[in-house]
N, C-alpha and C. Protein backbone atom coordinates (compact mmCIF):
# COMPACT_ATOMS: atom_id res chain seq x y z
N UNK A 1 171.01 173.38 101.11
CA UNK A 1 171.27 172.37 101.20
C UNK A 1 172.51 172.11 100.76
N UNK A 2 173.47 171.53 101.46
CA UNK A 2 174.85 171.27 100.68
C UNK A 2 174.92 169.99 100.22
N UNK A 3 175.62 170.02 98.92
CA UNK A 3 175.57 168.65 98.23
C UNK A 3 177.37 168.11 98.52
N UNK A 4 177.10 166.91 98.65
CA UNK A 4 178.36 166.21 99.18
C UNK A 4 178.59 165.19 97.76
N UNK A 5 179.78 165.04 97.28
CA UNK A 5 180.00 164.47 96.09
C UNK A 5 180.63 162.93 96.64
N UNK A 6 180.18 162.30 96.49
CA UNK A 6 180.80 160.68 97.14
C UNK A 6 181.94 160.45 96.25
N UNK A 7 183.27 159.85 96.90
CA UNK A 7 184.13 159.44 96.46
C UNK A 7 184.19 158.08 96.33
N UNK A 8 185.31 157.59 95.95
CA UNK A 8 185.75 156.15 95.79
C UNK A 8 186.01 155.59 97.24
N UNK A 9 185.62 154.56 97.48
CA UNK A 9 185.87 154.07 98.86
C UNK A 9 187.33 153.23 98.73
N UNK A 10 187.91 152.89 99.87
CA UNK A 10 189.34 152.34 99.83
C UNK A 10 189.52 151.08 99.15
N UNK A 11 188.35 150.33 99.18
CA UNK A 11 187.97 148.94 98.87
C UNK A 11 188.00 148.91 97.17
N UNK A 12 187.06 150.11 96.67
CA UNK A 12 187.17 150.12 95.20
C UNK A 12 188.56 150.57 95.02
N UNK A 13 189.03 151.49 95.56
CA UNK A 13 190.66 151.94 94.84
C UNK A 13 191.47 150.55 94.59
N UNK A 14 191.35 150.06 95.66
CA UNK A 14 192.05 148.62 95.81
C UNK A 14 191.75 147.39 94.54
N UNK A 15 190.66 147.36 94.33
CA UNK A 15 190.13 146.56 93.20
C UNK A 15 190.66 147.11 91.82
N UNK A 16 190.27 148.36 91.77
CA UNK A 16 190.93 148.72 90.52
C UNK A 16 192.44 148.63 90.21
N UNK A 17 193.36 148.94 91.39
CA UNK A 17 194.87 149.00 91.30
C UNK A 17 195.18 147.23 91.17
N UNK A 18 194.18 146.38 91.45
CA UNK A 18 194.34 144.98 91.45
C UNK A 18 194.37 144.82 89.86
N UNK A 19 193.06 145.22 89.29
CA UNK A 19 192.72 144.91 88.29
C UNK A 19 193.74 145.30 86.96
N UNK A 20 194.40 146.51 87.52
CA UNK A 20 195.18 147.24 86.63
C UNK A 20 196.48 146.14 86.58
N UNK A 21 196.78 145.75 87.82
CA UNK A 21 197.97 145.07 87.92
C UNK A 21 197.95 143.67 87.36
N UNK A 22 196.59 143.02 87.60
CA UNK A 22 196.60 141.73 86.77
C UNK A 22 196.92 142.03 85.16
N UNK A 23 196.21 143.02 84.54
CA UNK A 23 195.98 143.48 82.96
C UNK A 23 197.68 143.95 82.49
N UNK A 24 198.31 144.31 83.52
CA UNK A 24 199.94 144.48 83.44
C UNK A 24 200.73 143.43 83.23
N UNK A 25 200.40 142.58 84.16
CA UNK A 25 201.14 141.34 84.33
C UNK A 25 200.76 140.39 83.13
N UNK A 26 199.68 140.45 82.67
CA UNK A 26 199.03 139.34 81.50
C UNK A 26 199.61 140.08 80.21
N UNK A 27 199.51 141.25 79.93
CA UNK A 27 200.32 142.08 79.09
C UNK A 27 201.95 142.03 78.74
N UNK A 28 202.48 141.74 79.89
CA UNK A 28 203.76 141.63 80.15
C UNK A 28 204.35 140.65 79.37
N UNK A 29 203.55 139.12 80.23
CA UNK A 29 203.71 137.64 79.75
C UNK A 29 203.36 137.45 78.20
N UNK A 30 202.45 138.17 77.92
CA UNK A 30 202.31 138.03 76.35
C UNK A 30 203.16 138.52 75.50
N UNK A 31 203.69 140.07 76.00
CA UNK A 31 204.68 140.40 74.99
C UNK A 31 206.55 139.78 75.31
N UNK A 32 206.45 139.03 76.47
CA UNK A 32 207.77 138.27 76.65
C UNK A 32 207.53 136.81 75.35
N UNK A 33 206.38 136.53 75.41
CA UNK A 33 206.26 135.27 74.89
C UNK A 33 206.14 135.50 73.34
N UNK A 34 205.73 136.49 72.97
CA UNK A 34 205.49 137.04 71.50
C UNK A 34 207.40 137.08 71.05
N UNK A 35 208.25 137.99 72.28
CA UNK A 35 209.48 138.29 71.95
C UNK A 35 210.28 136.92 71.71
N UNK A 36 210.27 136.18 72.55
CA UNK A 36 211.01 134.75 72.54
C UNK A 36 210.64 133.66 71.58
N UNK A 37 209.10 133.75 70.83
CA UNK A 37 208.60 133.45 69.78
C UNK A 37 209.25 133.84 68.39
N UNK A 38 209.75 135.03 68.66
CA UNK A 38 210.38 135.71 67.52
C UNK A 38 211.76 135.36 67.28
N UNK A 39 212.36 135.68 68.37
CA UNK A 39 213.73 134.93 68.82
C UNK A 39 214.12 133.58 67.97
N UNK A 40 213.25 132.61 68.30
CA UNK A 40 213.05 131.20 68.35
C UNK A 40 212.98 131.30 66.71
N UNK A 41 212.02 131.82 66.00
CA UNK A 41 212.08 131.95 64.58
C UNK A 41 213.38 132.21 63.92
N UNK A 42 213.85 133.34 64.23
CA UNK A 42 214.99 134.10 63.78
C UNK A 42 216.21 133.02 64.07
N UNK A 43 216.33 132.25 65.35
CA UNK A 43 217.33 131.28 65.29
C UNK A 43 217.32 129.92 64.30
N UNK A 44 215.91 129.41 64.24
CA UNK A 44 215.54 128.53 63.47
C UNK A 44 215.95 128.56 61.66
N UNK A 45 215.25 130.08 61.36
CA UNK A 45 215.74 130.19 59.83
C UNK A 45 217.03 130.08 59.62
N UNK A 46 218.02 130.67 60.74
CA UNK A 46 219.42 130.81 60.36
C UNK A 46 219.76 129.66 60.46
N UNK A 47 219.64 128.48 61.29
CA UNK A 47 219.97 127.27 61.20
C UNK A 47 219.70 126.86 59.95
N UNK A 48 218.64 126.74 59.39
CA UNK A 48 217.91 126.50 57.93
C UNK A 48 219.10 126.55 56.74
N UNK A 49 219.31 127.96 56.83
CA UNK A 49 220.17 129.01 55.93
C UNK A 49 221.89 127.95 56.11
N UNK A 50 222.18 128.05 57.11
CA UNK A 50 223.07 127.61 57.77
C UNK A 50 222.95 126.17 56.93
N UNK A 51 222.65 125.00 57.47
CA UNK A 51 222.47 123.67 56.88
C UNK A 51 222.21 123.56 55.47
N UNK A 52 221.49 124.05 54.95
CA UNK A 52 221.60 124.08 53.35
C UNK A 52 222.75 124.49 52.57
N UNK A 53 223.10 125.37 53.36
CA UNK A 53 224.56 125.84 52.39
C UNK A 53 225.54 124.96 52.78
N UNK A 54 225.58 124.50 54.00
CA UNK A 54 226.72 123.71 54.31
C UNK A 54 226.55 122.34 53.41
N UNK A 55 225.42 121.90 53.23
CA UNK A 55 224.72 120.90 52.30
C UNK A 55 225.35 120.82 50.92
N UNK A 56 225.33 121.78 50.36
CA UNK A 56 225.35 122.37 49.10
C UNK A 56 226.87 122.38 48.95
N UNK A 57 227.87 122.85 50.01
CA UNK A 57 229.06 123.10 49.53
C UNK A 57 229.70 121.85 49.84
N UNK A 58 229.20 120.88 50.61
CA UNK A 58 229.74 119.60 50.78
C UNK A 58 229.73 118.81 49.57
N UNK A 59 228.57 118.98 48.94
CA UNK A 59 228.30 118.10 47.41
C UNK A 59 229.20 118.68 46.53
N UNK A 60 229.23 119.98 46.54
CA UNK A 60 230.23 120.49 45.71
C UNK A 60 231.77 120.22 45.80
N UNK A 61 232.21 120.30 46.89
CA UNK A 61 233.66 120.25 47.20
C UNK A 61 234.13 118.66 46.80
N UNK A 62 233.21 117.61 47.72
CA UNK A 62 233.36 116.21 47.56
C UNK A 62 233.27 116.01 45.93
N UNK A 63 232.69 116.44 45.02
CA UNK A 63 232.80 116.08 43.62
C UNK A 63 233.31 117.27 42.72
N UNK A 64 234.41 117.93 43.61
CA UNK A 64 235.35 119.04 42.65
C UNK A 64 234.61 119.89 41.83
N UNK A 65 233.41 120.35 42.04
CA UNK A 65 232.45 121.27 40.91
C UNK A 65 233.01 122.77 40.86
N UNK A 66 233.95 122.95 42.08
CA UNK A 66 234.31 124.37 42.16
C UNK A 66 233.35 125.14 43.16
N UNK A 67 234.01 125.25 44.12
CA UNK A 67 233.37 126.12 45.32
C UNK A 67 234.14 127.76 44.94
N UNK A 68 233.13 128.47 45.51
CA UNK A 68 233.49 129.96 45.24
C UNK A 68 233.68 130.36 47.13
N UNK A 69 233.70 129.44 47.94
CA UNK A 69 233.87 129.85 49.29
C UNK A 69 235.37 129.98 49.59
N UNK A 70 235.87 131.23 50.26
CA UNK A 70 237.30 131.00 50.46
C UNK A 70 237.70 130.03 51.74
N UNK A 71 238.60 129.71 51.93
CA UNK A 71 239.52 128.46 52.27
C UNK A 71 240.28 129.23 53.67
N UNK A 72 239.65 128.81 54.76
CA UNK A 72 240.82 129.37 55.80
C UNK A 72 241.61 127.62 56.98
N UNK A 73 242.77 128.13 57.21
CA UNK A 73 243.34 127.44 57.71
C UNK A 73 243.04 127.23 59.16
N UNK A 74 243.70 126.12 59.81
CA UNK A 74 243.61 125.57 61.72
C UNK A 74 243.69 127.08 62.45
N UNK A 75 244.58 128.05 61.89
CA UNK A 75 244.62 129.35 62.78
C UNK A 75 243.57 130.33 61.99
N UNK A 76 242.84 129.88 61.54
CA UNK A 76 242.10 131.19 60.87
C UNK A 76 242.17 132.19 60.31
N UNK A 77 243.12 132.00 59.54
CA UNK A 77 243.80 132.53 58.45
C UNK A 77 243.46 132.08 56.97
N UNK A 78 243.16 132.95 56.17
CA UNK A 78 242.87 132.78 54.69
C UNK A 78 243.69 131.91 54.11
N UNK A 79 243.88 131.08 53.18
CA UNK A 79 244.80 130.40 52.57
C UNK A 79 245.36 130.87 51.09
N UNK A 80 244.35 131.52 50.55
CA UNK A 80 244.41 132.04 49.31
C UNK A 80 243.51 130.97 47.92
N UNK A 81 243.56 129.98 48.95
CA UNK A 81 242.58 128.95 47.97
C UNK A 81 241.07 128.97 48.11
N UNK A 82 240.27 128.32 47.37
CA UNK A 82 238.79 128.07 47.99
C UNK A 82 238.64 126.80 48.66
N UNK A 83 237.63 126.43 49.01
CA UNK A 83 237.46 125.36 49.81
C UNK A 83 237.49 124.05 48.78
N UNK A 84 237.75 122.97 49.08
CA UNK A 84 238.09 121.98 47.97
C UNK A 84 238.29 120.52 48.76
N UNK A 85 237.92 119.36 47.84
CA UNK A 85 237.77 118.22 48.58
C UNK A 85 239.22 117.70 49.47
N UNK A 86 240.25 118.19 49.74
CA UNK A 86 241.19 118.16 50.22
C UNK A 86 241.44 119.28 51.40
N UNK A 87 240.44 119.98 51.56
CA UNK A 87 240.13 120.73 52.83
C UNK A 87 239.77 120.01 53.97
N UNK A 88 240.33 120.24 55.18
CA UNK A 88 239.95 119.05 56.15
C UNK A 88 238.70 119.59 56.52
N UNK A 89 238.25 118.46 57.41
CA UNK A 89 236.65 118.81 57.71
C UNK A 89 236.71 120.38 58.91
N UNK A 90 237.94 120.17 59.71
CA UNK A 90 238.22 121.27 60.83
C UNK A 90 238.19 122.76 60.03
N UNK A 91 239.00 122.70 59.04
CA UNK A 91 239.41 123.69 58.17
C UNK A 91 237.88 124.05 57.35
N UNK A 92 237.30 123.16 57.01
CA UNK A 92 235.94 123.40 56.34
C UNK A 92 234.81 124.10 57.40
N UNK A 93 234.68 123.74 58.54
CA UNK A 93 233.67 124.30 59.13
C UNK A 93 234.16 125.62 59.68
N UNK A 94 235.92 126.14 60.19
CA UNK A 94 236.28 127.35 60.18
C UNK A 94 235.94 128.20 58.89
N UNK A 95 235.99 127.98 57.78
CA UNK A 95 235.50 128.54 56.46
C UNK A 95 234.27 128.72 56.57
N UNK A 96 233.58 127.71 56.99
CA UNK A 96 231.87 127.82 56.83
C UNK A 96 231.62 129.27 57.88
N UNK A 97 232.08 129.22 58.89
CA UNK A 97 231.78 130.56 59.97
C UNK A 97 232.08 131.77 59.56
N UNK A 98 233.50 131.71 58.84
CA UNK A 98 233.81 132.90 58.55
C UNK A 98 233.17 133.16 57.08
N UNK A 99 232.33 132.62 56.39
CA UNK A 99 231.66 132.90 55.45
C UNK A 99 230.67 133.63 55.69
N UNK A 100 229.67 133.03 56.91
CA UNK A 100 228.47 133.18 57.38
C UNK A 100 228.58 134.55 58.07
N UNK A 101 229.94 134.95 58.61
CA UNK A 101 230.09 136.04 59.40
C UNK A 101 230.99 137.09 58.51
N UNK A 102 230.95 136.91 56.85
CA UNK A 102 231.68 137.68 56.55
C UNK A 102 232.90 137.85 56.57
N UNK A 103 233.48 136.91 56.83
CA UNK A 103 234.89 137.05 57.32
C UNK A 103 235.19 137.58 58.79
N UNK A 104 234.48 137.66 59.51
CA UNK A 104 234.51 138.33 61.00
C UNK A 104 234.03 139.99 60.93
N UNK A 105 233.61 140.34 59.71
CA UNK A 105 233.82 142.20 59.97
C UNK A 105 232.45 142.21 59.98
N UNK A 106 231.51 141.31 59.57
CA UNK A 106 230.05 141.94 59.66
C UNK A 106 229.45 141.42 61.45
N UNK A 107 228.89 142.58 62.15
CA UNK A 107 228.89 142.08 63.43
C UNK A 107 227.26 142.35 63.44
N UNK A 108 226.54 142.04 62.34
CA UNK A 108 224.96 141.84 62.83
C UNK A 108 224.34 140.52 61.98
N UNK A 109 225.35 139.67 61.37
CA UNK A 109 224.53 138.71 61.13
C UNK A 109 224.71 137.15 62.07
N UNK A 110 223.65 136.37 61.67
CA UNK A 110 224.07 135.25 62.70
C UNK A 110 224.50 135.19 64.43
N UNK A 111 223.83 136.36 64.85
CA UNK A 111 223.87 136.67 66.04
C UNK A 111 222.88 136.07 66.90
N UNK A 112 223.53 135.40 68.13
CA UNK A 112 222.13 134.85 69.24
C UNK A 112 221.29 135.68 69.63
N UNK A 113 219.98 135.33 69.14
CA UNK A 113 219.17 136.06 69.37
C UNK A 113 218.50 136.63 70.85
N UNK A 114 219.24 135.62 71.93
CA UNK A 114 219.09 135.70 73.14
C UNK A 114 220.31 136.96 73.81
N UNK A 115 221.43 136.65 73.03
CA UNK A 115 222.33 137.01 73.39
C UNK A 115 223.24 137.88 72.28
N UNK A 116 222.36 139.23 71.59
CA UNK A 116 222.99 139.87 70.32
C UNK A 116 224.69 140.27 70.33
N UNK A 117 225.03 140.21 71.61
CA UNK A 117 226.79 140.65 71.43
C UNK A 117 227.45 139.35 71.30
N UNK A 118 226.77 138.46 71.03
CA UNK A 118 227.51 137.35 70.72
C UNK A 118 227.10 136.24 69.49
N UNK A 119 227.74 135.64 68.62
CA UNK A 119 227.34 134.93 67.56
C UNK A 119 227.09 133.76 67.79
N UNK A 120 225.73 133.09 66.85
CA UNK A 120 225.38 131.80 66.99
C UNK A 120 226.31 130.92 66.98
N UNK A 121 227.23 131.22 66.12
CA UNK A 121 227.56 130.04 65.21
C UNK A 121 228.94 129.75 66.38
N UNK A 122 229.44 128.33 66.61
CA UNK A 122 230.37 128.09 67.67
C UNK A 122 230.97 126.59 66.87
N UNK A 123 232.08 126.62 66.96
CA UNK A 123 232.89 125.42 66.47
C UNK A 123 233.59 124.77 67.64
N UNK A 124 233.19 123.58 68.52
CA UNK A 124 233.51 123.17 69.47
C UNK A 124 233.43 121.75 69.76
N UNK A 125 233.96 120.95 70.89
CA UNK A 125 233.72 119.81 70.99
C UNK A 125 233.12 119.53 72.09
N UNK A 126 232.49 120.71 73.06
CA UNK A 126 231.64 120.78 74.21
C UNK A 126 230.51 119.54 73.73
N UNK A 127 230.00 119.00 75.07
CA UNK A 127 228.73 118.34 75.02
C UNK A 127 227.48 119.10 74.96
N UNK A 128 226.43 118.71 74.50
CA UNK A 128 225.17 119.31 74.07
C UNK A 128 224.69 119.86 75.29
N UNK A 129 224.78 119.37 76.36
CA UNK A 129 224.37 119.96 77.31
C UNK A 129 225.02 121.30 78.07
N UNK A 130 226.12 121.25 77.61
CA UNK A 130 227.06 122.51 78.06
C UNK A 130 226.65 123.96 77.27
N UNK A 131 225.70 123.41 76.08
CA UNK A 131 225.39 124.93 75.30
C UNK A 131 224.39 125.84 75.59
N UNK A 132 223.98 126.85 75.40
CA UNK A 132 223.37 127.51 75.79
C UNK A 132 222.15 128.11 74.85
N UNK A 133 221.08 128.42 75.16
CA UNK A 133 220.14 128.96 74.00
C UNK A 133 220.34 129.71 73.22
N UNK A 134 220.30 129.42 71.61
CA UNK A 134 220.22 130.25 70.51
C UNK A 134 221.58 129.96 70.24
N UNK A 135 222.56 128.69 70.75
CA UNK A 135 223.68 128.46 69.81
C UNK A 135 223.49 127.57 68.61
N UNK A 136 224.36 127.66 67.48
CA UNK A 136 224.10 126.67 66.80
C UNK A 136 225.61 125.87 66.71
N UNK A 137 226.04 124.99 67.19
CA UNK A 137 227.52 124.10 67.00
C UNK A 137 227.70 123.22 65.88
N UNK A 138 228.62 123.65 65.65
CA UNK A 138 229.32 122.68 64.40
C UNK A 138 230.25 121.84 65.27
N UNK A 139 230.37 120.57 64.86
CA UNK A 139 231.69 119.64 64.91
C UNK A 139 231.87 118.71 64.03
N UNK A 140 233.29 118.12 63.80
CA UNK A 140 233.30 116.83 63.12
C UNK A 140 233.30 115.60 64.01
N UNK A 141 232.85 114.60 63.21
CA UNK A 141 232.25 113.22 63.86
C UNK A 141 232.58 112.09 62.78
N UNK A 142 233.57 111.57 62.43
CA UNK A 142 233.70 110.33 61.55
C UNK A 142 233.76 109.42 62.11
N UNK A 143 233.97 109.21 63.22
CA UNK A 143 234.11 108.06 63.88
C UNK A 143 233.77 107.69 65.63
N UNK A 144 233.56 106.78 66.43
CA UNK A 144 233.41 106.52 67.69
C UNK A 144 234.75 107.22 68.42
N UNK A 145 234.70 107.65 69.46
CA UNK A 145 235.71 108.36 70.25
C UNK A 145 235.19 109.83 70.65
N UNK A 146 234.26 110.29 70.30
CA UNK A 146 233.97 111.54 71.18
C UNK A 146 233.96 112.73 69.62
N UNK A 147 233.27 113.87 70.27
CA UNK A 147 233.48 114.73 69.24
C UNK A 147 234.61 115.46 68.96
N UNK A 148 234.53 115.97 67.56
CA UNK A 148 236.16 116.40 67.05
C UNK A 148 236.79 115.27 66.20
N UNK A 149 236.16 114.11 66.48
CA UNK A 149 236.76 112.87 65.66
C UNK A 149 236.56 113.06 64.29
N UNK A 150 238.00 112.85 63.58
CA UNK A 150 237.82 113.15 61.82
C UNK A 150 237.84 114.81 61.63
N UNK A 151 238.66 115.26 62.52
CA UNK A 151 238.77 117.04 62.32
C UNK A 151 239.71 117.02 61.45
N UNK A 152 240.65 115.90 61.03
CA UNK A 152 241.73 115.91 60.06
C UNK A 152 241.73 115.25 58.91
N UNK A 153 240.09 114.72 58.64
CA UNK A 153 239.51 113.91 57.28
C UNK A 153 239.41 114.93 56.10
N UNK A 154 240.14 114.88 55.23
CA UNK A 154 239.75 115.66 53.79
C UNK A 154 238.28 115.88 53.26
N UNK A 155 237.63 116.58 53.44
CA UNK A 155 236.21 116.76 52.87
C UNK A 155 235.67 115.78 51.80
N UNK A 156 236.54 115.10 51.04
CA UNK A 156 235.90 114.49 49.93
C UNK A 156 235.13 113.33 50.61
N UNK A 157 235.47 112.83 51.82
CA UNK A 157 234.59 111.89 52.53
C UNK A 157 234.19 112.26 54.21
N UNK A 158 234.59 113.43 54.36
CA UNK A 158 234.42 114.22 55.90
C UNK A 158 233.00 113.81 56.24
N UNK A 159 232.53 113.93 57.73
CA UNK A 159 231.60 113.97 58.11
C UNK A 159 231.25 114.89 59.17
N UNK A 160 230.02 115.68 59.79
CA UNK A 160 230.16 116.70 60.48
C UNK A 160 228.81 116.87 61.30
N UNK A 161 228.81 117.62 62.24
CA UNK A 161 226.89 117.61 62.43
C UNK A 161 227.08 119.17 62.94
N UNK A 162 225.90 119.69 62.77
CA UNK A 162 225.38 120.73 63.02
C UNK A 162 224.16 121.03 63.92
N UNK A 163 224.51 121.10 65.27
CA UNK A 163 223.24 121.13 66.09
C UNK A 163 222.97 122.61 66.42
N UNK A 164 221.43 122.71 66.38
CA UNK A 164 220.43 124.05 66.97
C UNK A 164 220.22 123.71 68.46
N UNK A 165 220.41 124.62 68.98
CA UNK A 165 220.24 124.50 70.63
C UNK A 165 219.11 125.66 71.02
N UNK A 166 217.95 125.10 70.96
CA UNK A 166 216.72 126.25 71.21
C UNK A 166 216.61 126.23 72.85
N UNK A 167 216.85 125.54 73.55
CA UNK A 167 217.02 125.68 75.47
C UNK A 167 217.40 124.71 75.57
N UNK A 168 217.48 124.64 77.26
CA UNK A 168 218.38 123.38 77.52
C UNK A 168 217.48 122.08 77.31
N UNK A 169 218.46 121.19 76.87
CA UNK A 169 217.94 119.89 76.38
C UNK A 169 216.98 120.14 75.45
N UNK A 170 216.50 121.16 74.54
CA UNK A 170 215.69 121.32 73.49
C UNK A 170 216.78 121.44 72.53
N UNK A 171 216.89 120.47 71.57
CA UNK A 171 217.92 120.66 70.34
C UNK A 171 217.52 119.72 69.19
N UNK A 172 218.06 119.81 68.46
CA UNK A 172 218.08 118.48 67.05
C UNK A 172 219.27 119.19 66.48
N UNK A 173 219.47 117.81 65.82
CA UNK A 173 220.80 117.83 64.94
C UNK A 173 220.90 117.64 63.32
N UNK A 174 221.98 118.02 62.53
CA UNK A 174 221.90 117.38 61.21
C UNK A 174 223.16 116.76 60.90
N UNK A 175 223.22 115.15 60.45
CA UNK A 175 224.68 115.15 60.01
C UNK A 175 224.66 115.28 58.71
N UNK A 176 226.04 115.72 58.35
CA UNK A 176 226.05 116.14 56.74
C UNK A 176 227.49 115.47 56.36
N UNK A 177 227.73 115.17 55.14
CA UNK A 177 229.25 114.45 54.74
C UNK A 177 229.04 112.71 54.43
N UNK A 178 230.21 112.47 54.87
CA UNK A 178 230.37 110.70 54.39
C UNK A 178 229.70 109.84 55.34
N UNK A 179 230.02 108.68 55.29
CA UNK A 179 229.68 107.58 56.15
C UNK A 179 229.92 107.80 57.69
N UNK A 180 229.33 107.43 58.42
CA UNK A 180 229.75 107.22 59.70
C UNK A 180 230.30 105.66 60.41
N UNK A 181 231.33 105.74 60.97
CA UNK A 181 232.20 104.37 61.05
C UNK A 181 231.74 104.43 62.79
N UNK A 182 231.32 102.77 62.81
CA UNK A 182 230.89 102.58 64.19
C UNK A 182 231.67 101.89 64.87
N UNK A 183 232.94 101.39 64.25
CA UNK A 183 234.04 100.49 64.64
C UNK A 183 235.16 101.13 65.38
N UNK A 184 235.86 101.86 64.63
CA UNK A 184 237.01 102.62 65.15
C UNK A 184 237.56 103.73 64.42
N UNK A 185 238.34 104.63 65.00
CA UNK A 185 238.95 105.75 64.39
C UNK A 185 239.75 105.27 63.08
N UNK A 186 240.28 104.20 63.22
CA UNK A 186 241.25 103.47 62.07
C UNK A 186 240.18 103.36 60.89
N UNK A 187 239.16 102.94 60.88
CA UNK A 187 238.29 102.73 59.83
C UNK A 187 238.14 104.03 59.03
N UNK A 188 237.64 105.22 59.75
CA UNK A 188 237.72 106.32 59.16
C UNK A 188 238.83 106.80 58.46
N UNK A 189 240.18 107.03 59.30
CA UNK A 189 241.34 107.26 58.81
C UNK A 189 241.42 106.48 57.25
N UNK A 190 241.33 105.28 57.10
CA UNK A 190 241.61 104.51 56.11
C UNK A 190 240.80 104.96 54.86
N UNK A 191 239.59 104.99 55.30
CA UNK A 191 238.42 105.43 53.95
C UNK A 191 238.67 106.65 53.41
N UNK A 192 239.34 107.89 54.66
CA UNK A 192 239.28 109.23 53.72
C UNK A 192 240.86 109.19 53.51
N UNK A 193 241.71 108.56 53.53
CA UNK A 193 243.10 108.50 53.16
C UNK A 193 243.90 109.86 54.32
N UNK A 194 243.32 109.69 55.13
CA UNK A 194 244.19 111.06 56.11
C UNK A 194 245.69 110.22 56.64
N UNK A 195 246.52 111.53 56.55
CA UNK A 195 247.36 111.26 57.31
C UNK A 195 248.35 112.27 57.98
N UNK A 196 248.87 112.17 58.94
CA UNK A 196 249.02 113.28 59.75
C UNK A 196 249.85 114.37 59.24
N UNK A 197 250.65 114.03 58.47
CA UNK A 197 251.76 115.13 57.50
C UNK A 197 251.00 116.16 56.85
N UNK A 198 249.79 115.44 55.94
CA UNK A 198 248.89 116.52 55.21
C UNK A 198 247.89 116.88 55.84
N UNK A 199 247.20 116.48 56.77
CA UNK A 199 245.77 116.79 57.30
C UNK A 199 245.96 117.42 58.48
N UNK A 200 246.96 117.16 59.55
CA UNK A 200 246.92 117.45 60.60
C UNK A 200 246.23 116.43 61.71
N UNK A 201 246.16 116.81 63.03
CA UNK A 201 245.50 115.87 63.86
C UNK A 201 244.16 115.29 63.55
N UNK A 202 244.24 114.11 63.73
CA UNK A 202 242.74 113.29 63.58
C UNK A 202 241.73 113.87 64.26
N UNK A 203 242.13 114.44 65.46
CA UNK A 203 241.10 114.71 66.22
C UNK A 203 241.40 116.15 66.79
N UNK A 204 240.21 116.98 66.41
CA UNK A 204 240.73 118.74 66.63
C UNK A 204 240.92 118.93 68.28
N UNK A 205 240.45 118.05 69.30
CA UNK A 205 240.74 118.51 70.76
C UNK A 205 240.59 119.61 71.34
N UNK A 206 240.91 120.19 72.58
CA UNK A 206 240.78 121.16 73.16
C UNK A 206 240.98 122.71 71.98
N UNK A 207 241.93 122.50 71.52
CA UNK A 207 241.83 123.62 70.26
C UNK A 207 240.72 124.37 69.69
N UNK A 208 240.16 122.98 69.39
CA UNK A 208 238.65 123.58 68.68
C UNK A 208 237.44 124.32 69.56
N UNK A 209 237.96 124.41 70.74
CA UNK A 209 236.82 125.17 71.32
C UNK A 209 236.71 126.47 71.23
N UNK A 210 235.55 127.15 70.79
CA UNK A 210 235.19 128.16 70.21
C UNK A 210 235.47 129.73 71.24
N UNK A 211 236.23 130.64 71.17
CA UNK A 211 236.52 131.66 72.15
C UNK A 211 235.50 132.49 72.07
N UNK A 212 234.67 133.02 71.09
CA UNK A 212 233.68 133.66 71.21
C UNK A 212 232.40 133.40 71.52
N UNK A 213 232.40 131.71 71.88
CA UNK A 213 231.27 131.23 72.32
C UNK A 213 230.73 131.76 73.91
N UNK A 214 229.35 132.15 74.09
CA UNK A 214 229.09 132.12 75.47
C UNK A 214 228.36 130.79 76.19
N UNK A 215 229.54 130.20 77.17
CA UNK A 215 228.85 129.18 77.72
C UNK A 215 228.56 129.52 79.02
N UNK A 216 228.27 130.63 79.83
CA UNK A 216 227.83 131.17 80.80
C UNK A 216 226.51 131.16 81.27
């Protein structure tokens, strides 16, 4: 008598394939969640590192305690000096970005975790909603009148903000520096001793848009 070995039926095979598909899908979702969580932690750690250093440097320069951070001008060129109380807000932000990126020579630090070919740090006057996930935005903001107001204010009384963009509509920000004026730009100009000849434009304008930031 012949012995016949029973194989799997088509239904059983389909059930097995379906189970494997579900397990693979769950594994993929779990892995993606883990990756996103890790990226977010990196972004938030970078944000904390940046804001703490900038807060410390602000206190140092506003009290003439002697900073060791090289100063860059509006054209992103080294001036040969260290940042000080007469460094403008815009120059301070440019100097901070260059410091964190090691003068632009280190391509591995403070990268956007979701776009590793781009830096996280951006100096611009774009509205919060125009930024993408993983960006850390800096801008001067001394008085009413829009982002970039007070870019020419010396650091002894300048004010700026640093914003972390975790995702669309998910951000938080920290204001650093002198007090915020609610009345007019003239109040801020008078308070920080700004003048066009010595400190350049009060508002940084469109030239503050960061060309290496990715808004797409």
